[in-house]
Amino acid sequence: MEARFLNKNMKHPQEGQRLELECLPYNSDTGVSWIRQDKDGKHHFIVYISTLPRSTFPRNEKESSEFEGSKQGNSFRLVVKNFRAQDQGTYFCIANVNQVLYFSSGQPAFFPATTTAAPTTAAATTQSSHITKDICVQSSDPGASGENILNLYCEIFIWAPLAGVCLVLLVALIVTIVLCQRASGENILNLYCEIFIWAPLAGVCLVLLVALIVTIVLCQ
């Protein structure tokens, strides 16, 4: 069985148009019922068309203000007089042959998909042709904000390491003075000097080098 638009070139019905469908059953000697499946999957009985032909609508009505049913040759036809939004769905026909129900293929009947045009947006604001690579001075306000960012990076990558260096040197100096005063031999004095003077100085140089490299990379 097959349910389809009577107009084979139709793809989507238009609102308010007269929509005609036909059902081609396996056996035209039995009546056919038309049903509609809505978007929620619910089924709605429309009409039963006998072979006489006679049409029976819901509540055993013989006529309908919304639909027409007829038989022409082997084709059982359904007409939606005024196709509206609530008539959208998939249309099927059913035939009872020797107490066996046969269902047709479904014919979708929906309005054409509407595409909403994207709102026209204003042209993007033209950016400055000059792009600085110096993140220390990047800002919408080069006078105030740029200076604040510069100060922040300088505090993080310059003043903070220098303060740490000064603290390490001060501690090392104090420890060296105290221990060297207690040292009783030249070898011991040299050992303490290597541990508490040259080693901290080497660490200081390393810290300063790292801080300088990081500052140069970030500020380029």
Protein backbone atom coordinates (compact mmCIF):
# COMPACT_ATOMS: atom_id res chain seq x y z
CA MET A 1 0.00 0.00 0.00
CA GLU A 2 1.07 3.51 -0.68
CA ALA A 3 -0.13 6.91 0.52
CA ARG A 4 1.06 9.92 -1.44
CA PHE A 5 0.22 13.39 -2.69
CA LEU A 6 -2.07 13.33 -5.70
CA ASN A 7 0.25 15.93 -7.23
CA LYS A 8 3.48 13.97 -7.56
CA ASN A 9 5.52 17.16 -7.92
CA MET A 10 4.46 18.47 -4.51
CA LYS A 11 6.96 18.39 -1.69
CA HIS A 12 5.41 20.64 0.95
CA PRO A 13 1.84 21.92 1.19
CA GLN A 14 1.22 25.62 1.66
CA GLU A 15 -0.99 27.08 4.33
CA GLY A 16 -4.58 27.53 3.16
CA GLN A 17 -4.25 25.38 0.06
CA ARG A 18 -6.49 22.46 -0.94
CA LEU A 19 -4.39 19.37 -0.30
CA GLU A 20 -5.22 16.12 -2.10
CA LEU A 21 -3.81 12.72 -1.20
CA GLU A 22 -4.46 9.26 -2.61
CA CYS A 23 -4.16 5.74 -1.25
CA LEU A 24 -3.36 2.79 -3.49
CA PRO A 25 -4.28 -0.38 -1.57
CA TYR A 26 -3.40 -3.96 -2.44
CA ASN A 27 -7.06 -4.79 -2.87
CA SER A 28 -9.49 -2.11 -4.04
CA ASP A 29 -12.47 -4.29 -3.09
CA THR A 30 -12.19 -3.32 0.57
CA GLY A 31 -12.64 0.04 2.22
CA VAL A 32 -9.82 2.27 3.41
CA SER A 33 -9.38 4.45 6.50
CA TRP A 34 -7.25 7.60 6.56
CA ILE A 35 -5.39 8.57 9.72
CA ARG A 36 -2.90 11.30 10.61
CA GLN A 37 0.04 11.03 12.97
CA ASP A 38 0.91 14.41 14.49
CA LYS A 39 4.29 15.68 15.64
CA ASP A 40 3.77 14.16 19.11
CA GLY A 41 3.14 10.70 17.66
CA LYS A 42 -0.62 10.71 18.35
CA HIS A 43 -2.94 9.20 15.74
CA HIS A 44 -6.12 10.92 14.58
CA PHE A 45 -8.83 9.14 12.61
CA ILE A 46 -9.99 11.24 9.64
CA VAL A 47 -12.37 9.23 7.46
CA TYR A 48 -13.38 5.74 6.37
CA ILE A 49 -14.05 5.37 2.61
CA SER A 50 -16.02 2.32 1.55
CA THR A 51 -16.06 0.74 -1.91
CA LEU A 52 -19.57 2.10 -2.70
CA PRO A 53 -18.11 4.75 -2.16
CA ARG A 54 -19.36 6.29 1.05
CA SER A 55 -17.42 8.40 3.53
CA THR A 56 -17.77 8.14 7.28
CA PHE A 57 -16.12 10.78 9.47
CA PRO A 58 -15.64 10.84 13.26
CA ARG A 59 -18.84 10.53 15.33
CA ASN A 60 -20.38 8.68 12.36
CA GLU A 61 -20.78 11.92 10.42
CA LYS A 62 -21.38 11.70 6.68
CA GLU A 63 -19.82 15.07 5.91
CA SER A 64 -16.99 17.20 7.25
CA SER A 65 -16.21 20.88 6.99
CA GLU A 66 -12.50 20.11 6.91
CA PHE A 67 -12.11 16.93 4.81
CA GLU A 68 -13.52 15.09 1.81
CA GLY A 69 -13.25 11.37 1.01
CA SER A 70 -13.87 9.65 -2.30
CA LYS A 71 -12.97 6.63 -4.45
CA GLN A 72 -11.91 6.99 -8.06
CA GLY A 73 -10.92 3.77 -9.75
CA ASN A 74 -8.42 2.00 -7.51
CA SER A 75 -7.52 5.23 -5.72
CA PHE A 76 -9.04 6.20 -2.36
CA ARG A 77 -8.64 9.96 -2.06
CA LEU A 78 -8.53 12.33 0.87
CA VAL A 79 -8.88 16.08 0.50
CA VAL A 80 -7.87 18.58 3.18
CA LYS A 81 -10.00 21.55 2.20
CA ASN A 82 -7.98 24.22 3.93
CA PHE A 83 -4.56 23.00 5.05
CA ARG A 84 -3.60 24.60 8.37
CA ALA A 85 -0.90 24.22 10.98
CA GLN A 86 -2.95 21.67 12.96
CA ASP A 87 -3.27 19.53 9.82
CA GLN A 88 0.47 18.96 9.63
CA GLY A 89 1.66 15.42 10.21
CA THR A 90 2.22 12.11 8.46
CA TYR A 91 -0.78 10.67 6.64
CA PHE A 92 -1.46 6.91 6.42
CA CYS A 93 -4.19 4.74 4.98
CA ILE A 94 -5.27 1.43 6.47
CA ALA A 95 -7.12 -1.45 4.83
CA ASN A 96 -8.74 -4.46 6.51
CA VAL A 97 -8.34 -7.44 4.18
CA ASN A 98 -9.56 -10.80 5.46
CA GLN A 99 -9.33 -9.52 9.04
CA VAL A 100 -5.72 -8.46 8.53
CA LEU A 101 -4.80 -4.78 8.83
CA TYR A 102 -2.49 -3.38 6.17
CA PHE A 103 -0.76 -0.05 6.71
CA SER A 104 0.49 2.12 3.91
CA SER A 105 3.73 4.01 3.77
CA GLY A 106 3.52 7.40 5.43
CA GLN A 107 3.23 10.66 3.51
CA PRO A 108 4.68 13.59 5.49
CA ALA A 109 2.76 16.84 5.06
CA PHE A 110 4.50 19.79 6.69
CA PHE A 111 4.99 23.41 5.85
CA PRO A 112 8.31 24.23 4.19
CA ALA A 113 11.08 24.81 6.67
CA THR A 114 11.54 28.51 7.22
CA THR A 115 15.06 29.85 7.51
CA THR A 116 15.49 32.95 9.60
CA ALA A 117 18.02 35.33 8.12
CA ALA A 118 20.77 36.27 10.49
CA PRO A 119 20.45 39.87 11.68
CA THR A 120 22.72 42.29 9.94
CA THR A 121 25.51 43.23 12.24
CA ALA A 122 27.37 46.46 12.19
CA ALA A 123 30.80 46.35 10.66
CA ALA A 124 33.50 45.38 13.09
CA THR A 125 35.36 48.27 14.61
CA THR A 126 38.57 48.87 12.69
CA GLN A 127 41.53 47.99 14.79
CA SER A 128 44.64 50.05 14.90
CA SER A 129 47.09 49.16 12.16
CA HIS A 130 49.91 49.41 14.64
CA ILE A 131 50.12 46.33 16.90
CA THR A 132 52.70 46.64 19.59
CA LYS A 133 54.54 43.59 20.81
CA ASP A 134 55.32 45.14 24.15
CA ILE A 135 52.81 43.64 26.58
CA CYS A 136 54.07 46.03 29.22
CA VAL A 137 52.35 48.89 27.46
CA GLN A 138 49.32 47.18 25.80
CA SER A 139 46.17 48.90 26.98
CA SER A 140 43.19 50.86 25.73
CA ASP A 141 44.52 53.76 27.78
CA PRO A 142 48.26 54.02 27.09
CA GLY A 143 48.66 56.67 29.74
CA ALA A 144 47.17 55.05 32.84
CA SER A 145 46.46 51.38 32.17
CA GLY A 146 49.70 50.81 30.28
CA GLU A 147 51.67 52.24 33.16
CA ASN A 148 49.83 50.04 35.67
CA ILE A 149 50.55 46.89 33.63
CA LEU A 150 54.20 47.91 33.31
CA ASN A 151 54.46 48.36 37.05
CA LEU A 152 52.81 44.98 37.68
CA TYR A 153 55.26 43.07 35.49
CA CYS A 154 58.19 44.96 36.90
CA GLU A 155 57.09 44.15 40.43
CA ILE A 156 56.69 40.45 39.60
CA PHE A 157 59.78 39.85 37.49
CA ILE A 158 62.26 42.47 38.74
CA TRP A 159 61.55 43.91 42.19
CA ALA A 160 60.37 40.66 43.76
CA PRO A 161 63.47 38.67 42.68
CA LEU A 162 65.73 41.53 43.76
CA ALA A 163 64.05 41.64 47.15
CA GLY A 164 64.57 37.89 47.50
CA VAL A 165 68.18 38.25 46.47
CA CYS A 166 68.77 40.93 49.06
CA LEU A 167 67.18 38.77 51.73
CA VAL A 168 69.32 35.77 50.81
CA LEU A 169 72.48 37.89 50.81
CA LEU A 170 71.60 39.39 54.18
CA VAL A 171 70.96 35.98 55.76
CA ALA A 172 74.11 34.54 54.20
CA LEU A 173 76.16 37.49 55.44
CA ILE A 174 74.85 37.21 58.99
CA VAL A 175 75.40 33.45 59.12
CA THR A 176 78.88 33.83 57.65
CA ILE A 177 79.92 36.46 60.18
CA VAL A 178 78.65 34.42 63.12
CA LEU A 179 80.18 31.14 61.99
CA CYS A 180 83.46 32.61 60.82
CA GLN A 181 83.97 34.25 64.20
CA ARG A 182 83.63 30.83 65.84
CA ALA A 183 85.83 29.05 63.29
CA SER A 184 89.14 27.87 64.71
CA GLY A 185 91.01 27.01 61.54
CA GLU A 186 91.69 28.34 58.07
CA ASN A 187 90.32 25.22 56.36
CA ILE A 188 87.13 25.41 58.30
CA LEU A 189 86.86 29.11 57.48
CA ASN A 190 87.30 28.41 53.78
CA LEU A 191 84.67 25.67 53.94
CA TYR A 192 82.12 27.96 55.55
CA CYS A 193 82.95 30.73 53.10
CA GLU A 194 82.35 28.39 50.17
CA ILE A 195 79.04 27.22 51.60
CA PHE A 196 77.62 30.53 52.77
CA ILE A 197 79.17 33.02 50.34
CA TRP A 198 80.04 31.52 46.98
CA ALA A 199 77.09 29.13 46.82
CA PRO A 200 74.51 31.86 47.64
CA LEU A 201 76.18 34.18 45.17
CA ALA A 202 75.95 31.52 42.47
CA GLY A 203 72.27 31.04 43.30
CA VAL A 204 71.75 34.78 43.21
CA CYS A 205 73.29 35.01 39.77
CA LEU A 206 71.08 32.17 38.54
CA VAL A 207 67.92 33.79 39.93
CA LEU A 208 68.84 37.13 38.39
CA LEU A 209 69.54 35.49 35.03
CA VAL A 210 66.22 33.64 35.01
CA ALA A 211 64.32 36.78 36.05
CA LEU A 212 66.02 38.80 33.35
CA ILE A 213 65.26 36.22 30.61
CA VAL A 214 61.61 35.93 31.65
CA THR A 215 61.23 39.71 31.73
CA ILE A 216 62.78 40.10 28.27
CA VAL A 217 60.56 37.36 26.75
CA LEU A 218 57.32 38.70 28.23
CA CYS A 219 58.00 42.31 27.43
CA GLN A 220 58.91 41.71 23.77
